[in-house]
Amino acid sequence: MSNIEVLFQQPHVLPTVVIAIILSVLIALYMDKKQNSGAEAPKPKAFAVPDT
């Protein structure tokens, strides 16, 4: 616990933690969007090919 307390006493650690959290959220959103586009893209093609 003392190591963590010393870390949080450092002035540069808090911005680093905030940036890390923001980056992780952005990466999660990007991966989710990538998965959604990958999952949705084949479906319209699969439905469109038999219809035409």
PDB file of N, CA and C in Angstrom:
ATOM      1  N   MET A   1       0.835  -1.203   0.000  1.00  0.00           N
ATOM      2  CA  MET A   1       0.000   0.000   0.000  1.00  0.00           C
ATOM      3  C   MET A   1       0.865   1.246   0.000  1.00  0.00           C
ATOM      4  N   SER A   2       2.023   1.180   0.683  1.00  0.00           N
ATOM      5  CA  SER A   2       2.867   2.377   0.766  1.00  0.00           C
ATOM      6  C   SER A   2       3.390   2.748  -0.616  1.00  0.00           C
ATOM      7  N   ASN A   3       3.716   1.750  -1.431  1.00  0.00           N
ATOM      8  CA  ASN A   3       4.191   2.063  -2.779  1.00  0.00           C
ATOM      9  C   ASN A   3       3.119   2.792  -3.585  1.00  0.00           C
ATOM     10  N   ILE A   4       1.878   2.345  -3.459  1.00  0.00           N
ATOM     11  CA  ILE A   4       0.788   2.996  -4.191  1.00  0.00           C
ATOM     12  C   ILE A   4       0.615   4.422  -3.687  1.00  0.00           C
ATOM     13  N   GLU A   5       0.704   4.612  -2.360  1.00  0.00           N
ATOM     14  CA  GLU A   5       0.551   5.959  -1.811  1.00  0.00           C
ATOM     15  C   GLU A   5       1.666   6.862  -2.326  1.00  0.00           C
ATOM     16  N   VAL A   6       2.886   6.345  -2.388  1.00  0.00           N
ATOM     17  CA  VAL A   6       3.998   7.149  -2.906  1.00  0.00           C
ATOM     18  C   VAL A   6       3.758   7.477  -4.374  1.00  0.00           C
ATOM     19  N   LEU A   7       3.231   6.498  -5.136  1.00  0.00           N
ATOM     20  CA  LEU A   7       2.965   6.750  -6.549  1.00  0.00           C
ATOM     21  C   LEU A   7       1.959   7.880  -6.715  1.00  0.00           C
ATOM     22  N   PHE A   8       0.887   7.843  -5.919  1.00  0.00           N
ATOM     23  CA  PHE A   8      -0.154   8.853  -6.077  1.00  0.00           C
ATOM     24  C   PHE A   8       0.285  10.206  -5.531  1.00  0.00           C
ATOM     25  N   GLN A   9       1.372  10.235  -4.754  1.00  0.00           N
ATOM     26  CA  GLN A   9       1.897  11.527  -4.319  1.00  0.00           C
ATOM     27  C   GLN A   9       2.684  12.198  -5.449  1.00  0.00           C
ATOM     28  N   GLN A  10       3.144  11.409  -6.417  1.00  0.00           N
ATOM     29  CA  GLN A  10       3.863  11.984  -7.554  1.00  0.00           C
ATOM     30  C   GLN A  10       2.880  12.796  -8.391  1.00  0.00           C
ATOM     31  N   PRO A  11       3.251  13.989  -8.824  1.00  0.00           N
ATOM     32  CA  PRO A  11       2.300  14.836  -9.558  1.00  0.00           C
ATOM     33  C   PRO A  11       1.991  14.320 -10.956  1.00  0.00           C
ATOM     34  N   HIS A  12       2.890  13.541 -11.564  1.00  0.00           N
ATOM     35  CA  HIS A  12       2.691  13.139 -12.957  1.00  0.00           C
ATOM     36  C   HIS A  12       1.925  11.828 -13.065  1.00  0.00           C
ATOM     37  N   VAL A  13       1.632  11.167 -11.956  1.00  0.00           N
ATOM     38  CA  VAL A  13       1.005   9.844 -12.044  1.00  0.00           C
ATOM     39  C   VAL A  13      -0.484   9.968 -12.368  1.00  0.00           C
ATOM     40  N   LEU A  14      -1.158  10.944 -11.766  1.00  0.00           N
ATOM     41  CA  LEU A  14      -2.598  11.060 -11.982  1.00  0.00           C
ATOM     42  C   LEU A  14      -2.928  11.321 -13.454  1.00  0.00           C
ATOM     43  N   PRO A  15      -2.295  12.283 -14.123  1.00  0.00           N
ATOM     44  CA  PRO A  15      -2.574  12.457 -15.565  1.00  0.00           C
ATOM     45  C   PRO A  15      -2.278  11.194 -16.369  1.00  0.00           C
ATOM     46  N   THR A  16      -1.236  10.475 -15.995  1.00  0.00           N
ATOM     47  CA  THR A  16      -0.907   9.237 -16.702  1.00  0.00           C
ATOM     48  C   THR A  16      -2.027   8.221 -16.534  1.00  0.00           C
ATOM     49  N   VAL A  17      -2.564   8.124 -15.316  1.00  0.00           N
ATOM     50  CA  VAL A  17      -3.667   7.183 -15.074  1.00  0.00           C
ATOM     51  C   VAL A  17      -4.892   7.601 -15.871  1.00  0.00           C
ATOM     52  N   VAL A  18      -5.179   8.896 -15.893  1.00  0.00           N
ATOM     53  CA  VAL A  18      -6.348   9.385 -16.640  1.00  0.00           C
ATOM     54  C   VAL A  18      -6.173   9.104 -18.127  1.00  0.00           C
ATOM     55  N   ILE A  19      -4.981   9.362 -18.646  1.00  0.00           N
ATOM     56  CA  ILE A  19      -4.717   9.113 -20.074  1.00  0.00           C
ATOM     57  C   ILE A  19      -4.843   7.619 -20.372  1.00  0.00           C
ATOM     58  N   ALA A  20      -4.345   6.783 -19.470  1.00  0.00           N
ATOM     59  CA  ALA A  20      -4.438   5.337 -19.678  1.00  0.00           C
ATOM     60  C   ALA A  20      -5.896   4.893 -19.703  1.00  0.00           C
ATOM     61  N   ILE A  21      -6.710   5.460 -18.801  1.00  0.00           N
ATOM     62  CA  ILE A  21      -8.131   5.095 -18.771  1.00  0.00           C
ATOM     63  C   ILE A  21      -8.804   5.549 -20.067  1.00  0.00           C
ATOM     64  N   ILE A  22      -8.528   6.773 -20.500  1.00  0.00           N
ATOM     65  CA  ILE A  22      -9.140   7.288 -21.729  1.00  0.00           C
ATOM     66  C   ILE A  22      -8.710   6.440 -22.925  1.00  0.00           C
ATOM     67  N   LEU A  23      -7.427   6.086 -22.974  1.00  0.00           N
ATOM     68  CA  LEU A  23      -6.949   5.259 -24.083  1.00  0.00           C
ATOM     69  C   LEU A  23      -7.640   3.902 -24.076  1.00  0.00           C
ATOM     70  N   SER A  24      -7.778   3.298 -22.900  1.00  0.00           N
ATOM     71  CA  SER A  24      -8.417   1.986 -22.824  1.00  0.00           C
ATOM     72  C   SER A  24      -9.872   2.070 -23.276  1.00  0.00           C
ATOM     73  N   VAL A  25     -10.559   3.175 -22.905  1.00  0.00           N
ATOM     74  CA  VAL A  25     -11.952   3.340 -23.326  1.00  0.00           C
ATOM     75  C   VAL A  25     -12.023   3.514 -24.840  1.00  0.00           C
ATOM     76  N   LEU A  26     -11.130   4.344 -25.383  1.00  0.00           N
ATOM     77  CA  LEU A  26     -11.140   4.570 -26.829  1.00  0.00           C
ATOM     78  C   LEU A  26     -10.840   3.276 -27.576  1.00  0.00           C
ATOM     79  N   ILE A  27      -9.871   2.512 -27.073  1.00  0.00           N
ATOM     80  CA  ILE A  27      -9.535   1.243 -27.730  1.00  0.00           C
ATOM     81  C   ILE A  27     -10.722   0.287 -27.660  1.00  0.00           C
ATOM     82  N   ALA A  28     -11.393   0.259 -26.509  1.00  0.00           N
ATOM     83  CA  ALA A  28     -12.549  -0.626 -26.362  1.00  0.00           C
ATOM     84  C   ALA A  28     -13.649  -0.221 -27.343  1.00  0.00           C
ATOM     85  N   LEU A  29     -13.897   1.094 -27.459  1.00  0.00           N
ATOM     86  CA  LEU A  29     -14.917   1.566 -28.396  1.00  0.00           C
ATOM     87  C   LEU A  29     -14.512   1.243 -29.829  1.00  0.00           C
ATOM     88  N   TYR A  30     -13.218   1.436 -30.151  1.00  0.00           N
ATOM     89  CA  TYR A  30     -12.744   1.153 -31.510  1.00  0.00           C
ATOM     90  C   TYR A  30     -12.899  -0.330 -31.842  1.00  0.00           C
ATOM     91  N   MET A  31     -12.516  -1.186 -30.897  1.00  0.00           N
ATOM     92  CA  MET A  31     -12.637  -2.620 -31.129  1.00  0.00           C
ATOM     93  C   MET A  31     -14.106  -3.008 -31.265  1.00  0.00           C
ATOM     94  N   ASP A  32     -14.973  -2.403 -30.442  1.00  0.00           N
ATOM     95  CA  ASP A  32     -16.401  -2.719 -30.521  1.00  0.00           C
ATOM     96  C   ASP A  32     -16.953  -2.290 -31.871  1.00  0.00           C
ATOM     97  N   LYS A  33     -16.552  -1.102 -32.332  1.00  0.00           N
ATOM     98  CA  LYS A  33     -17.022  -0.617 -33.635  1.00  0.00           C
ATOM     99  C   LYS A  33     -16.485  -1.513 -34.752  1.00  0.00           C
ATOM    100  N   LYS A  34     -15.226  -1.951 -34.609  1.00  0.00           N
ATOM    101  CA  LYS A  34     -14.625  -2.817 -35.621  1.00  0.00           C
ATOM    102  C   LYS A  34     -15.374  -4.150 -35.666  1.00  0.00           C
ATOM    103  N   GLN A  35     -15.707  -4.705 -34.496  1.00  0.00           N
ATOM    104  CA  GLN A  35     -16.433  -5.973 -34.454  1.00  0.00           C
ATOM    105  C   GLN A  35     -17.830  -5.809 -35.049  1.00  0.00           C
ATOM    106  N   ASN A  36     -18.487  -4.684 -34.729  1.00  0.00           N
ATOM    107  CA  ASN A  36     -19.841  -4.462 -35.243  1.00  0.00           C
ATOM    108  C   ASN A  36     -19.810  -4.351 -36.767  1.00  0.00           C
ATOM    109  N   SER A  37     -18.853  -3.581 -37.309  1.00  0.00           N
ATOM    110  CA  SER A  37     -18.779  -3.422 -38.758  1.00  0.00           C
ATOM    111  C   SER A  37     -18.440  -4.765 -39.406  1.00  0.00           C
ATOM    112  N   GLY A  38     -17.560  -5.534 -38.761  1.00  0.00           N
ATOM    113  CA  GLY A  38     -17.208  -6.836 -39.308  1.00  0.00           C
ATOM    114  C   GLY A  38     -18.388  -7.796 -39.268  1.00  0.00           C
ATOM    115  N   ALA A  39     -19.223  -7.682 -38.234  1.00  0.00           N
ATOM    116  CA  ALA A  39     -20.365  -8.584 -38.105  1.00  0.00           C
ATOM    117  C   ALA A  39     -21.509  -8.144 -39.010  1.00  0.00           C
ATOM    118  N   GLU A  40     -21.666  -6.830 -39.210  1.00  0.00           N
ATOM    119  CA  GLU A  40     -22.797  -6.337 -39.986  1.00  0.00           C
ATOM    120  C   GLU A  40     -22.495  -6.352 -41.491  1.00  0.00           C
ATOM    121  N   ALA A  41     -21.235  -6.214 -41.867  1.00  0.00           N
ATOM    122  CA  ALA A  41     -20.905  -6.111 -43.295  1.00  0.00           C
ATOM    123  C   ALA A  41     -21.273  -7.387 -44.059  1.00  0.00           C
ATOM    124  N   PRO A  42     -20.942  -8.590 -43.571  1.00  0.00           N
ATOM    125  CA  PRO A  42     -21.281  -9.786 -44.351  1.00  0.00           C
ATOM    126  C   PRO A  42     -22.789 -10.010 -44.449  1.00  0.00           C
ATOM    127  N   LYS A  43     -23.556  -9.595 -43.431  1.00  0.00           N
ATOM    128  CA  LYS A  43     -24.993  -9.871 -43.431  1.00  0.00           C
ATOM    129  C   LYS A  43     -25.713  -9.192 -44.600  1.00  0.00           C
ATOM    130  N   PRO A  44     -25.500  -7.876 -44.839  1.00  0.00           N
ATOM    131  CA  PRO A  44     -26.173  -7.269 -46.001  1.00  0.00           C
ATOM    132  C   PRO A  44     -25.768  -7.948 -47.309  1.00  0.00           C
ATOM    133  N   LYS A  45     -24.502  -8.325 -47.465  1.00  0.00           N
ATOM    134  CA  LYS A  45     -24.066  -9.003 -48.682  1.00  0.00           C
ATOM    135  C   LYS A  45     -24.778 -10.353 -48.807  1.00  0.00           C
ATOM    136  N   ALA A  46     -24.862 -11.081 -47.700  1.00  0.00           N
ATOM    137  CA  ALA A  46     -25.486 -12.400 -47.739  1.00  0.00           C
ATOM    138  C   ALA A  46     -26.964 -12.278 -48.081  1.00  0.00           C
ATOM    139  N   PHE A  47     -27.613 -11.233 -47.539  1.00  0.00           N
ATOM    140  CA  PHE A  47     -29.034 -11.060 -47.824  1.00  0.00           C
ATOM    141  C   PHE A  47     -29.243 -10.474 -49.219  1.00  0.00           C
ATOM    142  N   ALA A  48     -28.298  -9.632 -49.662  1.00  0.00           N
ATOM    143  CA  ALA A  48     -28.480  -8.949 -50.937  1.00  0.00           C
ATOM    144  C   ALA A  48     -28.246  -9.912 -52.110  1.00  0.00           C
ATOM    145  N   VAL A  49     -27.300 -10.830 -51.965  1.00  0.00           N
ATOM    146  CA  VAL A  49     -26.972 -11.715 -53.094  1.00  0.00           C
ATOM    147  C   VAL A  49     -28.146 -12.620 -53.443  1.00  0.00           C
ATOM    148  N   PRO A  50     -28.793 -13.298 -52.467  1.00  0.00           N
ATOM    149  CA  PRO A  50     -29.944 -14.143 -52.839  1.00  0.00           C
ATOM    150  C   PRO A  50     -31.115 -13.307 -53.364  1.00  0.00           C
ATOM    151  N   ASP A  51     -31.320 -12.087 -52.835  1.00  0.00           N
ATOM    152  CA  ASP A  51     -32.449 -11.261 -53.283  1.00  0.00           C
ATOM    153  C   ASP A  51     -32.272 -10.866 -54.740  1.00  0.00           C
ATOM    154  N   THR A  52     -31.037 -10.532 -55.133  1.00  0.00           N
ATOM    155  CA  THR A  52     -30.811 -10.117 -56.511  1.00  0.00           C
ATOM    156  C   THR A  52     -30.646 -11.377 -57.357  1.00  0.00           C
TER     157      THR A  52
END
